[in-house]
Amino acid sequence: MTPFEVHPGDVPTWPGITDAGRVVARFLAEVRVTGDEAAAHRLLAAEVPAHQVTSEEPTTVVRTPGEYAAHVRDMFATFGRFRYVVEEVLADGDRVYVRWRQEGRGLTEIGSAVYRVQDGRIAEYWIQLDRLGLLRQREAADGTLAE
């Protein structure tokens, strides 16, 4: 698949997109790159568990749509209005895998997530981020490289 940039409000599509994929595509364009709370309420379940690994420890953060939208707006503080490029998408039934890179203010974050869609909304997801790579970029920009 050819990577594509997600632009606010411009819902992407790809060959073989599934119903679950359409929900995730709308989420990416209407929430993930905008922080739009109204769209978050349309596309996310009332509470969405985000399963992740932090410092090698599995954790789950549960967010409401409003909290998720605020989380995206918090990312703007780090990245500014970032560029969000989808590198790969795979879908199987109610699950959609997305691998991306997010670029802004000289920083690049690489991540991937598997979204589970239920009743037309994202109900849960599993996410992996290259936090160490991002930390090293930030330290290099500050001139304080960690060992």
C-alpha atoms as a PDB file:
ATOM      1  CA  MET A   1       0.000   0.000   0.000  1.00  0.00           C
ATOM      2  CA  THR A   2       1.105   3.527  -0.680  1.00  0.00           C
ATOM      3  CA  PRO A   3       1.419   5.662   2.469  1.00  0.00           C
ATOM      4  CA  PHE A   4      -1.025   8.555   2.674  1.00  0.00           C
ATOM      5  CA  GLU A   5      -1.357  11.680   4.758  1.00  0.00           C
ATOM      6  CA  VAL A   6      -4.531  12.177   6.770  1.00  0.00           C
ATOM      7  CA  HIS A   7      -5.912  15.701   6.473  1.00  0.00           C
ATOM      8  CA  PRO A   8      -8.489  17.166   8.871  1.00  0.00           C
ATOM      9  CA  GLY A   9     -11.992  16.404   7.644  1.00  0.00           C
ATOM     10  CA  ASP A  10     -10.781  14.550   4.526  1.00  0.00           C
ATOM     11  CA  VAL A  11     -11.771  10.950   5.270  1.00  0.00           C
ATOM     12  CA  PRO A  12      -9.275   8.587   3.641  1.00  0.00           C
ATOM     13  CA  THR A  13     -10.112   5.374   1.874  1.00  0.00           C
ATOM     14  CA  TRP A  14      -8.050   2.463   0.646  1.00  0.00           C
ATOM     15  CA  PRO A  15      -8.566  -0.642  -1.483  1.00  0.00           C
ATOM     16  CA  GLY A  16     -10.620  -3.270   0.315  1.00  0.00           C
ATOM     17  CA  ILE A  17     -11.794  -0.923   3.075  1.00  0.00           C
ATOM     18  CA  THR A  18     -14.202  -2.651   5.464  1.00  0.00           C
ATOM     19  CA  ASP A  19     -17.055  -1.209   7.522  1.00  0.00           C
ATOM     20  CA  ALA A  20     -14.748  -1.171  10.557  1.00  0.00           C
ATOM     21  CA  GLY A  21     -12.105   0.482   8.381  1.00  0.00           C
ATOM     22  CA  ARG A  22     -14.548   3.243   7.442  1.00  0.00           C
ATOM     23  CA  VAL A  23     -15.119   4.004  11.132  1.00  0.00           C
ATOM     24  CA  VAL A  24     -11.369   4.147  11.763  1.00  0.00           C
ATOM     25  CA  ALA A  25     -10.833   6.310   8.654  1.00  0.00           C
ATOM     26  CA  ARG A  26     -13.432   8.805   9.904  1.00  0.00           C
ATOM     27  CA  PHE A  27     -11.841   8.717  13.368  1.00  0.00           C
ATOM     28  CA  LEU A  28      -8.399   9.498  11.931  1.00  0.00           C
ATOM     29  CA  ALA A  29      -9.645  12.444   9.842  1.00  0.00           C
ATOM     30  CA  GLU A  30     -12.219  13.837  12.244  1.00  0.00           C
ATOM     31  CA  VAL A  31     -10.671  13.190  15.669  1.00  0.00           C
ATOM     32  CA  ARG A  32      -7.066  11.938  15.606  1.00  0.00           C
ATOM     33  CA  VAL A  33      -5.700  14.909  13.654  1.00  0.00           C
ATOM     34  CA  THR A  34      -8.129  17.552  14.966  1.00  0.00           C
ATOM     35  CA  GLY A  35      -9.070  16.895  18.587  1.00  0.00           C
ATOM     36  CA  ASP A  36     -12.722  17.539  17.643  1.00  0.00           C
ATOM     37  CA  GLU A  37     -14.769  16.578  20.690  1.00  0.00           C
ATOM     38  CA  ALA A  38     -18.131  16.374  18.888  1.00  0.00           C
ATOM     39  CA  ALA A  39     -16.642  13.954  16.346  1.00  0.00           C
ATOM     40  CA  ALA A  40     -15.075  11.959  19.182  1.00  0.00           C
ATOM     41  CA  HIS A  41     -18.530  11.495  20.710  1.00  0.00           C
ATOM     42  CA  ARG A  42     -19.835  10.213  17.351  1.00  0.00           C
ATOM     43  CA  LEU A  43     -16.969   7.802  16.708  1.00  0.00           C
ATOM     44  CA  LEU A  44     -15.854   6.529  20.127  1.00  0.00           C
ATOM     45  CA  ALA A  45     -17.701   4.410  22.671  1.00  0.00           C
ATOM     46  CA  ALA A  46     -18.612   6.052  25.988  1.00  0.00           C
ATOM     47  CA  GLU A  47     -15.406   4.651  27.516  1.00  0.00           C
ATOM     48  CA  VAL A  48     -12.526   3.375  25.416  1.00  0.00           C
ATOM     49  CA  PRO A  49      -9.768   1.236  26.950  1.00  0.00           C
ATOM     50  CA  ALA A  50      -6.365   1.955  25.405  1.00  0.00           C
ATOM     51  CA  HIS A  51      -4.028  -0.954  26.078  1.00  0.00           C
ATOM     52  CA  GLN A  52      -0.383   0.077  25.925  1.00  0.00           C
ATOM     53  CA  VAL A  53       3.066  -0.649  27.243  1.00  0.00           C
ATOM     54  CA  THR A  54       4.767   2.036  29.303  1.00  0.00           C
ATOM     55  CA  SER A  55       8.298   1.400  30.582  1.00  0.00           C
ATOM     56  CA  GLU A  56       7.899  -2.273  29.688  1.00  0.00           C
ATOM     57  CA  GLU A  57       4.751  -2.565  31.814  1.00  0.00           C
ATOM     58  CA  PRO A  58       1.362  -3.247  30.235  1.00  0.00           C
ATOM     59  CA  THR A  59      -1.154  -0.589  31.222  1.00  0.00           C
ATOM     60  CA  THR A  60      -4.664   0.330  30.229  1.00  0.00           C
ATOM     61  CA  VAL A  61      -5.884   3.906  30.121  1.00  0.00           C
ATOM     62  CA  VAL A  62      -9.642   4.354  29.813  1.00  0.00           C
ATOM     63  CA  ARG A  63     -10.779   7.593  28.196  1.00  0.00           C
ATOM     64  CA  THR A  64     -14.150   9.094  27.407  1.00  0.00           C
ATOM     65  CA  PRO A  65     -14.560  10.738  23.992  1.00  0.00           C
ATOM     66  CA  GLY A  66     -14.046  14.153  25.587  1.00  0.00           C
ATOM     67  CA  GLU A  67     -10.878  12.979  27.317  1.00  0.00           C
ATOM     68  CA  TYR A  68      -9.566  11.501  24.069  1.00  0.00           C
ATOM     69  CA  ALA A  69     -10.199  14.770  22.205  1.00  0.00           C
ATOM     70  CA  ALA A  70      -8.345  16.654  24.967  1.00  0.00           C
ATOM     71  CA  HIS A  71      -5.493  14.128  24.678  1.00  0.00           C
ATOM     72  CA  VAL A  72      -5.149  14.944  20.963  1.00  0.00           C
ATOM     73  CA  ARG A  73      -5.178  18.658  21.710  1.00  0.00           C
ATOM     74  CA  ASP A  74      -2.398  18.028  24.260  1.00  0.00           C
ATOM     75  CA  MET A  75      -0.348  16.470  21.443  1.00  0.00           C
ATOM     76  CA  PHE A  76      -0.530  19.809  19.637  1.00  0.00           C
ATOM     77  CA  ALA A  77       1.536  21.288  22.489  1.00  0.00           C
ATOM     78  CA  THR A  78       4.367  18.888  21.610  1.00  0.00           C
ATOM     79  CA  PHE A  79       4.022  18.562  17.842  1.00  0.00           C
ATOM     80  CA  GLY A  80       2.067  21.647  16.807  1.00  0.00           C
ATOM     81  CA  ARG A  81      -0.377  20.930  13.979  1.00  0.00           C
ATOM     82  CA  PHE A  82       1.354  17.708  13.066  1.00  0.00           C
ATOM     83  CA  ARG A  83       1.530  15.771   9.819  1.00  0.00           C
ATOM     84  CA  TYR A  84      -0.045  12.310  10.242  1.00  0.00           C
ATOM     85  CA  VAL A  85       0.962   9.727   7.644  1.00  0.00           C
ATOM     86  CA  VAL A  86      -0.553   6.253   7.532  1.00  0.00           C
ATOM     87  CA  GLU A  87       2.071   3.740   6.440  1.00  0.00           C
ATOM     88  CA  GLU A  88      -0.065   0.593   6.552  1.00  0.00           C
ATOM     89  CA  VAL A  89      -3.648  -0.488   7.215  1.00  0.00           C
ATOM     90  CA  LEU A  90      -4.925  -4.038   7.682  1.00  0.00           C
ATOM     91  CA  ALA A  91      -8.458  -5.047   8.606  1.00  0.00           C
ATOM     92  CA  ASP A  92     -10.021  -8.289   9.755  1.00  0.00           C
ATOM     93  CA  GLY A  93     -13.602  -8.345  10.945  1.00  0.00           C
ATOM     94  CA  ASP A  94     -14.084  -5.787  13.702  1.00  0.00           C
ATOM     95  CA  ARG A  95     -10.359  -4.961  14.014  1.00  0.00           C
ATOM     96  CA  VAL A  96      -8.297  -2.478  12.050  1.00  0.00           C
ATOM     97  CA  TYR A  97      -4.518  -2.183  12.328  1.00  0.00           C
ATOM     98  CA  VAL A  98      -2.944   1.183  11.492  1.00  0.00           C
ATOM     99  CA  ARG A  99       0.790   1.953  11.430  1.00  0.00           C
ATOM    100  CA  TRP A 100       1.685   5.640  11.218  1.00  0.00           C
ATOM    101  CA  ARG A 101       4.224   8.363  11.683  1.00  0.00           C
ATOM    102  CA  GLN A 102       3.376  11.720  13.163  1.00  0.00           C
ATOM    103  CA  GLU A 103       5.651  14.644  12.367  1.00  0.00           C
ATOM    104  CA  GLY A 104       5.774  18.151  13.733  1.00  0.00           C
ATOM    105  CA  ARG A 105       8.204  20.688  15.160  1.00  0.00           C
ATOM    106  CA  GLY A 106      11.164  18.597  14.015  1.00  0.00           C
ATOM    107  CA  LEU A 107       9.946  15.501  15.879  1.00  0.00           C
ATOM    108  CA  THR A 108       8.742  12.205  14.437  1.00  0.00           C
ATOM    109  CA  GLU A 109       6.709   9.713  16.431  1.00  0.00           C
ATOM    110  CA  ILE A 110       6.213   6.234  15.017  1.00  0.00           C
ATOM    111  CA  GLY A 111       3.334   4.138  16.246  1.00  0.00           C
ATOM    112  CA  SER A 112       0.732   1.541  15.503  1.00  0.00           C
ATOM    113  CA  ALA A 113      -2.636   0.592  16.891  1.00  0.00           C
ATOM    114  CA  VAL A 114      -5.244  -2.094  16.514  1.00  0.00           C
ATOM    115  CA  TYR A 115      -8.714  -0.599  16.836  1.00  0.00           C
ATOM    116  CA  ARG A 116     -11.733  -2.749  17.711  1.00  0.00           C
ATOM    117  CA  VAL A 117     -14.974  -1.399  16.291  1.00  0.00           C
ATOM    118  CA  GLN A 118     -18.349  -2.260  17.777  1.00  0.00           C
ATOM    119  CA  ASP A 119     -21.717  -0.805  16.795  1.00  0.00           C
ATOM    120  CA  GLY A 120     -20.091   1.750  14.490  1.00  0.00           C
ATOM    121  CA  ARG A 121     -17.724   3.149  17.135  1.00  0.00           C
ATOM    122  CA  ILE A 122     -14.204   2.466  18.305  1.00  0.00           C
ATOM    123  CA  ALA A 123     -14.685   0.430  21.468  1.00  0.00           C
ATOM    124  CA  GLU A 124     -11.089  -0.421  22.385  1.00  0.00           C
ATOM    125  CA  TYR A 125      -7.565  -0.250  21.028  1.00  0.00           C
ATOM    126  CA  TRP A 126      -4.062  -1.582  21.540  1.00  0.00           C
ATOM    127  CA  ILE A 127      -1.279   0.908  20.858  1.00  0.00           C
ATOM    128  CA  GLN A 128       2.492   0.813  20.549  1.00  0.00           C
ATOM    129  CA  LEU A 129       4.602   3.964  20.329  1.00  0.00           C
ATOM    130  CA  ASP A 130       8.322   4.508  19.936  1.00  0.00           C
ATOM    131  CA  ARG A 131       8.549   6.664  23.049  1.00  0.00           C
ATOM    132  CA  LEU A 132      12.307   6.136  23.432  1.00  0.00           C
ATOM    133  CA  GLY A 133      12.890   7.381  19.890  1.00  0.00           C
ATOM    134  CA  LEU A 134      10.764  10.444  20.605  1.00  0.00           C
ATOM    135  CA  LEU A 135      12.594  11.066  23.893  1.00  0.00           C
ATOM    136  CA  ARG A 136      15.961  10.891  22.136  1.00  0.00           C
ATOM    137  CA  GLN A 137      14.790  13.365  19.494  1.00  0.00           C
ATOM    138  CA  ARG A 138      13.606  15.778  22.174  1.00  0.00           C
ATOM    139  CA  GLU A 139      16.866  15.437  24.101  1.00  0.00           C
ATOM    140  CA  ALA A 140      18.895  16.000  20.922  1.00  0.00           C
ATOM    141  CA  ALA A 141      16.886  19.138  20.221  1.00  0.00           C
ATOM    142  CA  ASP A 142      17.562  20.314  23.792  1.00  0.00           C
ATOM    143  CA  GLY A 143      21.236  19.309  23.578  1.00  0.00           C
ATOM    144  CA  THR A 144      20.901  16.875  26.505  1.00  0.00           C
ATOM    145  CA  LEU A 145      21.273  13.359  25.123  1.00  0.00           C
ATOM    146  CA  ALA A 146      20.556  10.577  27.596  1.00  0.00           C
ATOM    147  CA  GLU A 147      22.764   7.522  27.660  1.00  0.00           C
END
